[in-house]
Each structure stands twice: as C-alpha cells, then as structure tokens.
Amino acid sequence: MADDLGDEWWESQPAAAGSPGVLAANANSSDALCGPSKTWIWTELNQRASSLQKPSGDEEGRDTEMMQQDTAPVPEPSQETKQVTVTPMECFLTQAKETKEETRKTKKWKKKKISEILAKSEPKPGTPGDLQQLIKDHYSGSRSVIELEELNLPDSCFLKANDLTHSLSSYLKEICPKWVKLRKTHSEKKSVLMLIMCSSAVRALELIRSLTAFKGDAKVMKLFAKHIKVREQVKFLENRVIHLGVGTPGRIKELVKQDGLNLNPLKFLVFDWNWRDQKLRRMMDIPEIRKEVFELLDMGVFSLCKSESLKLGLF
C-alpha cells in the first residue's frame, strides 16, 4: 500500500500517534531511513514516547490521593460510638461498729416490776406525807384548786407512824394508851371505837390473831366479804356492842352505805400501810383497794379528821 500512495507515509503524517508497537516498527525500519528526514522522525518519536511515559496531571492527583488515603491515619471513633469497657473492681464492705447508744436503742425496753425494785431496795415506812400526796393525786383531776386545799388534813389528826419495829399490839398500845378506859365507856351499837383497814380477808384474820395482847376484853368483829353476807353483819352490829373492827375498805364502805355502821363515834382509823403481799404490793398500791379507800374517806372521814375527833394511824 505504500507504493500506491506515492509518498512515504511517514513524511506525509509526521505526527502519528506513538505507541510501543509503532516504536518497535520504527526501530526495525531505522536502517532504511537516511538523511535529515530520519533525524526529524526520531526526535518526534522520542518526544511522543516521553509524553506517553509521563503521567498526566489528573492521574498524578489521583495517585497522590490514593497514597494519602493509604497512609492517612485512621480517625478515632467519637465518644458516642466508643464502647465503654468496664473493668471489674473488687468492693469491700466494712461493717460499722455499733455504739453503746445504738445497742441501747435496739434493746426492747422492759418495764420493771415493783417486786424487782423493792427486792433491791430497803423498805421505807409510810409517813403522813405519803397519804397527803395520794389524796392530792387522786382528786387533782376532778377537784378545783380550792377544793383540793380543803382536802388537806391537819397534822394534828395524824398519829405516830410505825417505824417497822412494832407489832400491831405494841403499836396500838403506843398510839392509844387509854384503850381500856375507852372500851369501858363505849356502849353505842352500830359503831366501833377503832377500825383497822387492810387489803384482804386473809390479812384481816392475821391482824385479828395479833391483837390478843392489846384487845383485852374488847369485842372484835370481822368486816370483810368472805363467807359473810352484808345483812348478817348489819344485824350483828345492831344487836351487839363492838369495840374494834378489822376488815377491808370495800365491805366497810358497804356497811356505811346501808346504815349498818355509824362513823361518828369512831376515834381511831388505822391503815395497814406497810404490809406487802406476795407481789410486794402495799394496800395503797392496788388500784381497786385505793379507790375504795378514797370513797370511804369521802363518806365523812375528812370532816371527822378536820374536827379532830378522829385520828389516823399508819401501821
């Protein structure tokens, strides 16, 4: 086909695109070329070959970007995407030491019995002030200030209290030295000269047995509810002269209500104050007995004490 064109194809197309295959062909045919045209063709081919070997600007930028991406450091994950890793830690609990105050609070409070208190303390004899205080405490909720002042008993109405060294007979002899004369002059029925109040019928029987050295020829009557009816006691008081009565405040109060016992001739009222039962309770420590005692005192005993015709004793 080159012979048909008439001219050498490399002279008419000097700017043909170069390629490795073309370069090889040109190199093989270099021996056939000569003169200045040969020099020009070689220079043109070398320039095109160098341009093909050099990468373009876009390709360089892409290569550098790829290298930068490969060598660029990997960014750290944000705080939101970070996984929280909790390392297990040992925890030691120390028990707090209990103080004395805390141990006292945790202990259940136990109410002490009067027997436990009295077992550790020495017995103290009753005094007139103890009776005065009981009267004030009993009536403070139901009486006015003026009425409470009227209930104050004069000191002259109190006899000497037992100092825990006397028996009943020796105590009665001390507070009533003229007993023999009084019992001889007493002739009124439905009354007694001396009343001894105690907490129970059993205690009343004990006191009656201990009166042997004091009573002499005096007539003593049991004034309690055990096996004895009120009517029988009323009839007995109506028919006989009684000098001394020993009993419980409940039965004495009932006899006064039914007009079987008159308190006006009464000269001595003795409380079995210091004696204690199996539970170490005194007669005024028992609520039922204390209530009956104050009800009896309201039945004329306060007025007799203020008129100084009645004396009170604490055995």
C-alpha atoms as a PDB file:
ATOM      1  CA  MET A   1       0.000   0.000   0.000  1.00  0.00           C
ATOM      2  CA  ALA A   2       2.950   2.371   0.462  1.00  0.00           C
ATOM      3  CA  ASP A   3       3.901   2.128  -3.180  1.00  0.00           C
ATOM      4  CA  ASP A   4       0.373   3.096  -4.200  1.00  0.00           C
ATOM      5  CA  LEU A   5       0.351   6.325  -2.111  1.00  0.00           C
ATOM      6  CA  GLY A   6       3.295   7.660  -3.973  1.00  0.00           C
ATOM      7  CA  ASP A   7       4.924   9.318  -0.996  1.00  0.00           C
ATOM      8  CA  GLU A   8       6.398   7.814   2.079  1.00  0.00           C
ATOM      9  CA  TRP A   9       3.678   7.606   4.604  1.00  0.00           C
ATOM     10  CA  TRP A  10       5.986   8.816   7.393  1.00  0.00           C
ATOM     11  CA  GLU A  11       6.736  12.023   5.552  1.00  0.00           C
ATOM     12  CA  SER A  12       3.101  12.888   4.899  1.00  0.00           C
ATOM     13  CA  GLN A  13       1.981  12.036   8.508  1.00  0.00           C
ATOM     14  CA  PRO A  14       4.768  13.095  10.818  1.00  0.00           C
ATOM     15  CA  ALA A  15       2.549  13.458  13.895  1.00  0.00           C
ATOM     16  CA  ALA A  16       1.225   9.954  14.010  1.00  0.00           C
ATOM     17  CA  ALA A  17       0.382   8.679  17.419  1.00  0.00           C
ATOM     18  CA  GLY A  18       3.228   6.757  19.004  1.00  0.00           C
ATOM     19  CA  SER A  19       2.852   3.555  20.735  1.00  0.00           C
ATOM     20  CA  PRO A  20       5.108   0.771  21.839  1.00  0.00           C
ATOM     21  CA  GLY A  21       4.185  -1.231  18.776  1.00  0.00           C
ATOM     22  CA  VAL A  22       4.851   1.747  16.477  1.00  0.00           C
ATOM     23  CA  LEU A  23       8.171   2.475  18.160  1.00  0.00           C
ATOM     24  CA  ALA A  24       9.248  -1.085  17.619  1.00  0.00           C
ATOM     25  CA  ALA A  25       8.291  -0.894  13.981  1.00  0.00           C
ATOM     26  CA  ASN A  26      10.130   2.376  13.568  1.00  0.00           C
ATOM     27  CA  ALA A  27      13.171   0.973  15.247  1.00  0.00           C
ATOM     28  CA  ASN A  28      13.211  -2.025  12.946  1.00  0.00           C
ATOM     29  CA  SER A  29      12.948   0.197   9.894  1.00  0.00           C
ATOM     30  CA  SER A  30      15.529   2.711  11.049  1.00  0.00           C
ATOM     31  CA  ASP A  31      18.108   1.207   8.871  1.00  0.00           C
ATOM     32  CA  ALA A  32      16.086   2.036   5.735  1.00  0.00           C
ATOM     33  CA  LEU A  33      15.813   5.735   6.672  1.00  0.00           C
ATOM     34  CA  CYS A  34      18.543   8.259   5.938  1.00  0.00           C
ATOM     35  CA  GLY A  35      19.213  11.975   5.650  1.00  0.00           C
ATOM     36  CA  PRO A  36      17.508  14.800   7.559  1.00  0.00           C
ATOM     37  CA  SER A  37      14.131  13.259   7.498  1.00  0.00           C
ATOM     38  CA  LYS A  38      15.424  10.460   9.557  1.00  0.00           C
ATOM     39  CA  THR A  39      16.650  12.800  12.260  1.00  0.00           C
ATOM     40  CA  TRP A  40      13.348  14.656  12.474  1.00  0.00           C
ATOM     41  CA  ILE A  41      11.358  11.472  12.770  1.00  0.00           C
ATOM     42  CA  TRP A  42      13.485  10.206  15.606  1.00  0.00           C
ATOM     43  CA  THR A  43      13.202  13.393  17.559  1.00  0.00           C
ATOM     44  CA  GLU A  44       9.417  13.415  17.069  1.00  0.00           C
ATOM     45  CA  LEU A  45       9.095   9.838  18.126  1.00  0.00           C
ATOM     46  CA  ASN A  46      11.224  10.352  21.229  1.00  0.00           C
ATOM     47  CA  GLN A  47       9.084  13.313  22.292  1.00  0.00           C
ATOM     48  CA  ARG A  48       5.892  11.344  21.875  1.00  0.00           C
ATOM     49  CA  ALA A  49       7.311   8.381  23.733  1.00  0.00           C
ATOM     50  CA  SER A  50       8.345  10.592  26.645  1.00  0.00           C
ATOM     51  CA  SER A  51       4.908  12.159  26.714  1.00  0.00           C
ATOM     52  CA  LEU A  52       3.300   8.754  26.892  1.00  0.00           C
ATOM     53  CA  GLN A  53       5.563   7.652  29.767  1.00  0.00           C
ATOM     54  CA  LYS A  54       4.841  10.782  31.863  1.00  0.00           C
ATOM     55  CA  PRO A  55       1.506  10.598  33.677  1.00  0.00           C
ATOM     56  CA  SER A  56      -0.940  13.427  33.240  1.00  0.00           C
ATOM     57  CA  GLY A  57      -1.793  15.937  35.984  1.00  0.00           C
ATOM     58  CA  ASP A  58      -5.132  14.293  36.722  1.00  0.00           C
ATOM     59  CA  GLU A  59      -3.533  10.908  37.044  1.00  0.00           C
ATOM     60  CA  GLU A  60      -0.843  12.295  39.349  1.00  0.00           C
ATOM     61  CA  GLY A  61      -3.504  13.850  41.545  1.00  0.00           C
ATOM     62  CA  ARG A  62      -5.399  10.586  41.706  1.00  0.00           C
ATOM     63  CA  ASP A  63      -2.246   8.659  42.555  1.00  0.00           C
ATOM     64  CA  THR A  64      -1.296  11.067  45.308  1.00  0.00           C
ATOM     65  CA  GLU A  65      -4.833  10.959  46.708  1.00  0.00           C
ATOM     66  CA  MET A  66      -4.722   7.174  46.816  1.00  0.00           C
ATOM     67  CA  MET A  67      -1.354   7.242  48.540  1.00  0.00           C
ATOM     68  CA  GLN A  68      -2.598   9.798  51.042  1.00  0.00           C
ATOM     69  CA  GLN A  69      -5.656   7.679  51.729  1.00  0.00           C
ATOM     70  CA  ASP A  70      -3.461   4.647  52.286  1.00  0.00           C
ATOM     71  CA  THR A  71      -1.023   6.437  54.538  1.00  0.00           C
ATOM     72  CA  ALA A  72      -3.524   8.746  56.295  1.00  0.00           C
ATOM     73  CA  PRO A  73      -4.157   7.840  59.944  1.00  0.00           C
ATOM     74  CA  VAL A  74      -7.492   6.330  60.779  1.00  0.00           C
ATOM     75  CA  PRO A  75      -9.616   8.860  62.766  1.00  0.00           C
ATOM     76  CA  GLU A  76     -10.560   7.869  66.286  1.00  0.00           C
ATOM     77  CA  PRO A  77     -14.203   6.950  66.866  1.00  0.00           C
ATOM     78  CA  SER A  78     -16.348   9.598  68.526  1.00  0.00           C
ATOM     79  CA  GLN A  79     -17.395   9.387  72.179  1.00  0.00           C
ATOM     80  CA  GLU A  80     -20.881   8.302  71.188  1.00  0.00           C
ATOM     81  CA  THR A  81     -19.581   5.344  69.178  1.00  0.00           C
ATOM     82  CA  LYS A  82     -16.943   4.329  71.672  1.00  0.00           C
ATOM     83  CA  GLN A  83     -17.779   1.199  73.590  1.00  0.00           C
ATOM     84  CA  VAL A  84     -17.439   1.640  77.288  1.00  0.00           C
ATOM     85  CA  THR A  85     -15.390  -1.126  78.758  1.00  0.00           C
ATOM     86  CA  VAL A  86     -15.804  -1.539  82.490  1.00  0.00           C
ATOM     87  CA  THR A  87     -13.113  -3.420  84.226  1.00  0.00           C
ATOM     88  CA  PRO A  88     -14.357  -5.415  87.228  1.00  0.00           C
ATOM     89  CA  MET A  89     -13.299  -3.960  90.541  1.00  0.00           C
ATOM     90  CA  GLU A  90     -13.360  -5.577  93.950  1.00  0.00           C
ATOM     91  CA  CYS A  91     -15.589  -3.912  96.576  1.00  0.00           C
ATOM     92  CA  PHE A  92     -15.128  -4.490 100.286  1.00  0.00           C
ATOM     93  CA  LEU A  93     -17.935  -3.576 102.717  1.00  0.00           C
ATOM     94  CA  THR A  94     -16.872  -2.726 106.220  1.00  0.00           C
ATOM     95  CA  GLN A  95     -19.453  -3.223 108.935  1.00  0.00           C
ATOM     96  CA  ALA A  96     -19.843  -0.166 111.121  1.00  0.00           C
ATOM     97  CA  LYS A  97     -19.214  -0.716 114.794  1.00  0.00           C
ATOM     98  CA  GLU A  98     -22.297  -0.348 116.959  1.00  0.00           C
ATOM     99  CA  THR A  99     -22.050   2.302 119.578  1.00  0.00           C
ATOM    100  CA  LYS A 100     -23.403   1.931 123.060  1.00  0.00           C
ATOM    101  CA  GLU A 101     -26.305   4.263 122.308  1.00  0.00           C
ATOM    102  CA  GLU A 102     -27.398   2.180 119.309  1.00  0.00           C
ATOM    103  CA  THR A 103     -27.294  -1.035 121.293  1.00  0.00           C
ATOM    104  CA  ARG A 104     -29.406   0.567 123.982  1.00  0.00           C
ATOM    105  CA  LYS A 105     -32.000   1.654 121.432  1.00  0.00           C
ATOM    106  CA  THR A 106     -32.244  -1.778 119.837  1.00  0.00           C
ATOM    107  CA  LYS A 107     -32.866  -3.454 123.140  1.00  0.00           C
ATOM    108  CA  LYS A 108     -36.535  -3.846 123.930  1.00  0.00           C
ATOM    109  CA  TRP A 109     -37.480  -1.814 126.944  1.00  0.00           C
ATOM    110  CA  LYS A 110     -38.835  -3.990 129.688  1.00  0.00           C
ATOM    111  CA  LYS A 111     -40.963  -2.483 132.394  1.00  0.00           C
ATOM    112  CA  LYS A 112     -39.627  -3.298 135.810  1.00  0.00           C
ATOM    113  CA  LYS A 113     -41.973  -4.877 138.269  1.00  0.00           C
ATOM    114  CA  ILE A 114     -42.435  -3.374 141.696  1.00  0.00           C
ATOM    115  CA  SER A 115     -41.257  -6.655 143.197  1.00  0.00           C
ATOM    116  CA  GLU A 116     -37.932  -6.358 141.347  1.00  0.00           C
ATOM    117  CA  ILE A 117     -37.462  -2.780 142.520  1.00  0.00           C
ATOM    118  CA  LEU A 118     -38.346  -3.476 146.128  1.00  0.00           C
ATOM    119  CA  ALA A 119     -36.217  -6.614 146.252  1.00  0.00           C
ATOM    120  CA  LYS A 120     -33.145  -4.440 145.663  1.00  0.00           C
ATOM    121  CA  SER A 121     -34.161  -1.612 147.993  1.00  0.00           C
ATOM    122  CA  GLU A 122     -34.728  -1.372 151.694  1.00  0.00           C
ATOM    123  CA  PRO A 123     -38.350  -0.966 152.811  1.00  0.00           C
ATOM    124  CA  LYS A 124     -39.272   2.522 153.969  1.00  0.00           C
ATOM    125  CA  PRO A 125     -42.059   3.147 156.489  1.00  0.00           C
ATOM    126  CA  GLY A 126     -45.068   5.150 155.421  1.00  0.00           C
ATOM    127  CA  THR A 127     -45.476   8.727 156.614  1.00  0.00           C
ATOM    128  CA  PRO A 128     -48.446  11.139 156.834  1.00  0.00           C
ATOM    129  CA  GLY A 129     -46.967  12.972 153.838  1.00  0.00           C
ATOM    130  CA  ASP A 130     -47.428   9.857 151.714  1.00  0.00           C
ATOM    131  CA  LEU A 131     -51.143   9.797 152.457  1.00  0.00           C
ATOM    132  CA  GLN A 132     -51.463  13.522 151.799  1.00  0.00           C
ATOM    133  CA  GLN A 133     -49.772  13.116 148.440  1.00  0.00           C
ATOM    134  CA  LEU A 134     -52.025  10.219 147.460  1.00  0.00           C
ATOM    135  CA  ILE A 135     -55.090  12.272 148.303  1.00  0.00           C
ATOM    136  CA  LYS A 136     -53.830  15.155 146.175  1.00  0.00           C
ATOM    137  CA  ASP A 137     -53.003  12.912 143.222  1.00  0.00           C
ATOM    138  CA  HIS A 138     -56.340  11.127 143.372  1.00  0.00           C
ATOM    139  CA  TYR A 139     -58.524  14.243 143.416  1.00  0.00           C
ATOM    140  CA  SER A 140     -56.383  16.551 141.244  1.00  0.00           C
ATOM    141  CA  GLY A 141     -58.273  15.633 138.073  1.00  0.00           C
ATOM    142  CA  SER A 142     -61.790  16.077 139.489  1.00  0.00           C
ATOM    143  CA  ARG A 143     -61.488  18.857 142.060  1.00  0.00           C
ATOM    144  CA  SER A 144     -60.673  22.545 141.777  1.00  0.00           C
ATOM    145  CA  VAL A 145     -57.726  24.197 143.473  1.00  0.00           C
ATOM    146  CA  ILE A 146     -59.898  25.475 146.309  1.00  0.00           C
ATOM    147  CA  GLU A 147     -61.459  22.058 146.881  1.00  0.00           C
ATOM    148  CA  LEU A 148     -58.021  20.450 146.944  1.00  0.00           C
ATOM    149  CA  GLU A 149     -56.935  22.867 149.652  1.00  0.00           C
ATOM    150  CA  GLU A 150     -59.967  21.871 151.714  1.00  0.00           C
ATOM    151  CA  LEU A 151     -58.870  18.226 151.489  1.00  0.00           C
ATOM    152  CA  ASN A 152     -55.560  18.965 153.192  1.00  0.00           C
ATOM    153  CA  LEU A 153     -55.656  17.211 156.537  1.00  0.00           C
ATOM    154  CA  PRO A 154     -54.173  18.929 159.589  1.00  0.00           C
ATOM    155  CA  ASP A 155     -51.055  17.415 161.107  1.00  0.00           C
ATOM    156  CA  SER A 156     -52.823  17.089 164.451  1.00  0.00           C
ATOM    157  CA  CYS A 157     -55.112  14.363 163.095  1.00  0.00           C
ATOM    158  CA  PHE A 158     -52.198  12.002 162.399  1.00  0.00           C
ATOM    159  CA  LEU A 159     -50.847   9.617 164.992  1.00  0.00           C
ATOM    160  CA  LYS A 160     -47.253   8.476 165.130  1.00  0.00           C
ATOM    161  CA  ALA A 161     -46.456   6.223 162.195  1.00  0.00           C
ATOM    162  CA  ASN A 162     -44.971   2.747 162.561  1.00  0.00           C
ATOM    163  CA  ASP A 163     -41.202   2.699 162.086  1.00  0.00           C
ATOM    164  CA  LEU A 164     -41.273  -1.015 161.125  1.00  0.00           C
ATOM    165  CA  THR A 165     -40.128  -2.085 164.596  1.00  0.00           C
ATOM    166  CA  HIS A 166     -43.574  -2.579 166.165  1.00  0.00           C
ATOM    167  CA  SER A 167     -46.016  -5.432 166.150  1.00  0.00           C
ATOM    168  CA  LEU A 168     -49.668  -4.493 165.817  1.00  0.00           C
ATOM    169  CA  SER A 169     -50.353  -4.816 169.538  1.00  0.00           C
ATOM    170  CA  SER A 170     -47.298  -2.765 170.554  1.00  0.00           C
ATOM    171  CA  TYR A 171     -48.127  -0.091 168.014  1.00  0.00           C
ATOM    172  CA  LEU A 172     -51.748   0.204 169.175  1.00  0.00           C
ATOM    173  CA  LYS A 173     -50.628   0.456 172.782  1.00  0.00           C
ATOM    174  CA  GLU A 174     -48.342   3.328 171.877  1.00  0.00           C
ATOM    175  CA  ILE A 175     -50.914   5.360 169.958  1.00  0.00           C
ATOM    176  CA  CYS A 176     -53.814   4.517 172.297  1.00  0.00           C
ATOM    177  CA  PRO A 177     -52.556   4.204 175.854  1.00  0.00           C
ATOM    178  CA  LYS A 178     -56.077   4.773 177.303  1.00  0.00           C
ATOM    179  CA  TRP A 179     -57.702   1.952 175.425  1.00  0.00           C
ATOM    180  CA  VAL A 180     -59.020   0.147 178.483  1.00  0.00           C
ATOM    181  CA  LYS A 181     -60.877   3.263 179.694  1.00  0.00           C
ATOM    182  CA  LEU A 182     -62.345   3.961 176.247  1.00  0.00           C
ATOM    183  CA  ARG A 183     -63.707   0.470 175.695  1.00  0.00           C
ATOM    184  CA  LYS A 184     -65.378   0.524 179.128  1.00  0.00           C
ATOM    185  CA  THR A 185     -67.198   3.753 178.361  1.00  0.00           C
ATOM    186  CA  HIS A 186     -68.299   2.666 174.901  1.00  0.00           C
ATOM    187  CA  SER A 187     -71.881   1.385 174.827  1.00  0.00           C
ATOM    188  CA  GLU A 188     -73.238   2.541 171.446  1.00  0.00           C
ATOM    189  CA  LYS A 189     -74.404  -0.051 168.930  1.00  0.00           C
ATOM    190  CA  LYS A 190     -73.858   0.008 165.168  1.00  0.00           C
ATOM    191  CA  SER A 191     -70.478   1.619 165.769  1.00  0.00           C
ATOM    192  CA  VAL A 192     -66.885   0.872 166.742  1.00  0.00           C
ATOM    193  CA  LEU A 193     -64.133   2.763 168.538  1.00  0.00           C
ATOM    194  CA  MET A 194     -61.296   1.626 166.290  1.00  0.00           C
ATOM    195  CA  LEU A 195     -61.193   0.496 162.650  1.00  0.00           C
ATOM    196  CA  ILE A 196     -58.221  -1.313 161.105  1.00  0.00           C
ATOM    197  CA  MET A 197     -58.288  -1.399 157.294  1.00  0.00           C
ATOM    198  CA  CYS A 198     -56.282  -3.956 155.304  1.00  0.00           C
ATOM    199  CA  SER A 199     -56.152  -5.271 151.751  1.00  0.00           C
ATOM    200  CA  SER A 200     -57.705  -8.743 152.077  1.00  0.00           C
ATOM    201  CA  ALA A 201     -59.680 -11.084 154.298  1.00  0.00           C
ATOM    202  CA  VAL A 202     -56.657 -13.312 154.853  1.00  0.00           C
ATOM    203  CA  ARG A 203     -54.672 -10.348 156.091  1.00  0.00           C
ATOM    204  CA  ALA A 204     -57.595  -9.340 158.336  1.00  0.00           C
ATOM    205  CA  LEU A 205     -57.528 -12.736 160.047  1.00  0.00           C
ATOM    206  CA  GLU A 206     -53.780 -12.397 160.645  1.00  0.00           C
ATOM    207  CA  LEU A 207     -54.266  -8.978 162.244  1.00  0.00           C
ATOM    208  CA  ILE A 208     -57.080 -10.242 164.469  1.00  0.00           C
ATOM    209  CA  ARG A 209     -54.838 -13.020 165.792  1.00  0.00           C
ATOM    210  CA  SER A 210     -52.079 -10.494 166.529  1.00  0.00           C
ATOM    211  CA  LEU A 211     -54.469  -8.308 168.596  1.00  0.00           C
ATOM    212  CA  THR A 212     -54.562 -10.672 171.556  1.00  0.00           C
ATOM    213  CA  ALA A 213     -52.103  -8.685 173.678  1.00  0.00           C
ATOM    214  CA  PHE A 214     -53.920  -5.403 173.055  1.00  0.00           C
ATOM    215  CA  LYS A 215     -57.675  -6.033 172.901  1.00  0.00           C
ATOM    216  CA  GLY A 216     -58.219  -7.444 176.375  1.00  0.00           C
ATOM    217  CA  ASP A 217     -61.975  -7.864 176.879  1.00  0.00           C
ATOM    218  CA  ALA A 218     -62.897  -5.828 173.838  1.00  0.00           C
ATOM    219  CA  LYS A 219     -65.250  -7.257 171.211  1.00  0.00           C
ATOM    220  CA  VAL A 220     -63.662  -7.640 167.752  1.00  0.00           C
ATOM    221  CA  MET A 221     -65.655  -8.061 164.543  1.00  0.00           C
ATOM    222  CA  LYS A 222     -64.589  -9.256 161.109  1.00  0.00           C
ATOM    223  CA  LEU A 223     -65.572  -6.743 158.469  1.00  0.00           C
ATOM    224  CA  PHE A 224     -64.843  -8.422 155.133  1.00  0.00           C
ATOM    225  CA  ALA A 225     -66.873 -10.132 152.436  1.00  0.00           C
ATOM    226  CA  LYS A 226     -65.510 -13.668 152.593  1.00  0.00           C
ATOM    227  CA  HIS A 227     -68.315 -16.107 153.615  1.00  0.00           C
ATOM    228  CA  ILE A 228     -70.140 -13.305 155.451  1.00  0.00           C
ATOM    229  CA  LYS A 229     -73.156 -11.504 153.995  1.00  0.00           C
ATOM    230  CA  VAL A 230     -73.787  -7.815 154.497  1.00  0.00           C
ATOM    231  CA  ARG A 231     -77.194  -8.412 156.118  1.00  0.00           C
ATOM    232  CA  GLU A 232     -75.728 -10.731 158.707  1.00  0.00           C
ATOM    233  CA  GLN A 233     -73.103  -8.149 159.636  1.00  0.00           C
ATOM    234  CA  VAL A 234     -75.716  -5.383 159.842  1.00  0.00           C
ATOM    235  CA  LYS A 235     -77.845  -7.471 162.247  1.00  0.00           C
ATOM    236  CA  PHE A 236     -74.799  -8.309 164.318  1.00  0.00           C
ATOM    237  CA  LEU A 237     -73.894  -4.629 164.690  1.00  0.00           C
ATOM    238  CA  GLU A 238     -77.466  -3.732 165.611  1.00  0.00           C
ATOM    239  CA  ASN A 239     -77.683  -6.314 168.387  1.00  0.00           C
ATOM    240  CA  ARG A 240     -74.227  -6.062 169.977  1.00  0.00           C
ATOM    241  CA  VAL A 241     -71.681  -3.523 171.127  1.00  0.00           C
ATOM    242  CA  ILE A 242     -68.487  -3.813 169.124  1.00  0.00           C
ATOM    243  CA  HIS A 243     -65.273  -2.079 170.159  1.00  0.00           C
ATOM    244  CA  LEU A 244     -62.896  -2.943 167.361  1.00  0.00           C
ATOM    245  CA  GLY A 245     -63.436  -3.795 163.701  1.00  0.00           C
ATOM    246  CA  VAL A 246     -60.900  -5.279 161.258  1.00  0.00           C
ATOM    247  CA  GLY A 247     -61.721  -5.560 157.574  1.00  0.00           C
ATOM    248  CA  THR A 248     -61.400  -4.376 154.002  1.00  0.00           C
ATOM    249  CA  PRO A 249     -62.380  -0.887 152.792  1.00  0.00           C
ATOM    250  CA  GLY A 250     -64.924  -2.315 150.335  1.00  0.00           C
ATOM    251  CA  ARG A 251     -67.038  -4.047 152.976  1.00  0.00           C
ATOM    252  CA  ILE A 252     -66.695  -1.184 155.469  1.00  0.00           C
ATOM    253  CA  LYS A 253     -67.902   1.243 152.797  1.00  0.00           C
ATOM    254  CA  GLU A 254     -70.898  -1.020 152.029  1.00  0.00           C
ATOM    255  CA  LEU A 255     -71.884  -1.183 155.714  1.00  0.00           C
ATOM    256  CA  VAL A 256     -71.753   2.615 155.941  1.00  0.00           C
ATOM    257  CA  LYS A 257     -73.973   2.923 152.847  1.00  0.00           C
ATOM    258  CA  GLN A 258     -76.625   0.613 154.330  1.00  0.00           C
ATOM    259  CA  ASP A 259     -76.572   2.470 157.666  1.00  0.00           C
ATOM    260  CA  GLY A 260     -75.240  -0.616 159.369  1.00  0.00           C
ATOM    261  CA  LEU A 261     -72.154   1.241 160.636  1.00  0.00           C
ATOM    262  CA  ASN A 262     -72.027   4.745 162.062  1.00  0.00           C
ATOM    263  CA  LEU A 263     -68.667   6.532 161.799  1.00  0.00           C
ATOM    264  CA  ASN A 264     -69.348   9.412 164.202  1.00  0.00           C
ATOM    265  CA  PRO A 265     -68.283   7.543 167.397  1.00  0.00           C
ATOM    266  CA  LEU A 266     -65.102   6.357 165.645  1.00  0.00           C
ATOM    267  CA  LYS A 267     -61.899   7.508 167.406  1.00  0.00           C
ATOM    268  CA  PHE A 268     -59.092   5.698 165.580  1.00  0.00           C
ATOM    269  CA  LEU A 269     -58.687   4.717 161.932  1.00  0.00           C
ATOM    270  CA  VAL A 270     -55.549   2.637 161.325  1.00  0.00           C
ATOM    271  CA  PHE A 271     -54.230   1.777 157.863  1.00  0.00           C
ATOM    272  CA  ASP A 272     -52.285  -1.461 157.380  1.00  0.00           C
ATOM    273  CA  TRP A 273     -49.905   0.677 155.344  1.00  0.00           C
ATOM    274  CA  ASN A 274     -46.513  -1.043 155.320  1.00  0.00           C
ATOM    275  CA  TRP A 275     -47.532  -4.668 154.877  1.00  0.00           C
ATOM    276  CA  ARG A 276     -46.895  -6.186 151.440  1.00  0.00           C
ATOM    277  CA  ASP A 277     -48.438  -9.217 149.759  1.00  0.00           C
ATOM    278  CA  GLN A 278     -46.673 -11.922 147.726  1.00  0.00           C
ATOM    279  CA  LYS A 279     -46.218  -9.439 144.876  1.00  0.00           C
ATOM    280  CA  LEU A 280     -44.703  -6.949 147.320  1.00  0.00           C
ATOM    281  CA  ARG A 281     -47.659  -4.592 146.937  1.00  0.00           C
ATOM    282  CA  ARG A 282     -48.962  -2.421 149.722  1.00  0.00           C
ATOM    283  CA  MET A 283     -52.696  -1.899 150.121  1.00  0.00           C
ATOM    284  CA  MET A 284     -52.481   1.565 148.554  1.00  0.00           C
ATOM    285  CA  ASP A 285     -50.519   0.173 145.602  1.00  0.00           C
ATOM    286  CA  ILE A 286     -53.548  -1.863 144.462  1.00  0.00           C
ATOM    287  CA  PRO A 287     -55.813   0.362 142.320  1.00  0.00           C
ATOM    288  CA  GLU A 288     -59.072  -1.288 143.422  1.00  0.00           C
ATOM    289  CA  ILE A 289     -58.233  -1.013 147.110  1.00  0.00           C
ATOM    290  CA  ARG A 290     -57.007   2.577 146.733  1.00  0.00           C
ATOM    291  CA  LYS A 291     -60.238   3.587 145.016  1.00  0.00           C
ATOM    292  CA  GLU A 292     -62.372   2.078 147.765  1.00  0.00           C
ATOM    293  CA  VAL A 293     -60.287   3.782 150.444  1.00  0.00           C
ATOM    294  CA  PHE A 294     -60.866   7.243 148.960  1.00  0.00           C
ATOM    295  CA  GLU A 295     -64.573   6.530 148.517  1.00  0.00           C
ATOM    296  CA  LEU A 296     -64.732   5.664 152.212  1.00  0.00           C
ATOM    297  CA  LEU A 297     -62.840   8.832 153.141  1.00  0.00           C
ATOM    298  CA  ASP A 298     -65.469  10.872 151.280  1.00  0.00           C
ATOM    299  CA  MET A 299     -68.202   9.374 153.489  1.00  0.00           C
ATOM    300  CA  GLY A 300     -67.477  11.651 156.424  1.00  0.00           C
ATOM    301  CA  VAL A 301     -63.885  10.719 157.328  1.00  0.00           C
ATOM    302  CA  PHE A 302     -62.441  14.023 156.052  1.00  0.00           C
ATOM    303  CA  SER A 303     -64.890  16.062 158.115  1.00  0.00           C
ATOM    304  CA  LEU A 304     -64.204  13.984 161.247  1.00  0.00           C
ATOM    305  CA  CYS A 305     -60.452  14.499 160.820  1.00  0.00           C
ATOM    306  CA  LYS A 306     -60.839  18.271 160.483  1.00  0.00           C
ATOM    307  CA  SER A 307     -62.978  18.378 163.627  1.00  0.00           C
ATOM    308  CA  GLU A 308     -60.124  16.486 165.363  1.00  0.00           C
ATOM    309  CA  SER A 309     -62.485  13.868 166.719  1.00  0.00           C
ATOM    310  CA  LEU A 310     -60.833  11.148 164.565  1.00  0.00           C
ATOM    311  CA  LYS A 311     -57.150  10.214 164.488  1.00  0.00           C
ATOM    312  CA  LEU A 312     -55.362   8.462 161.630  1.00  0.00           C
ATOM    313  CA  GLY A 313     -52.547   5.948 162.084  1.00  0.00           C
ATOM    314  CA  LEU A 314     -50.203   4.249 159.588  1.00  0.00           C
ATOM    315  CA  PHE A 315     -49.093   0.785 160.730  1.00  0.00           C
END
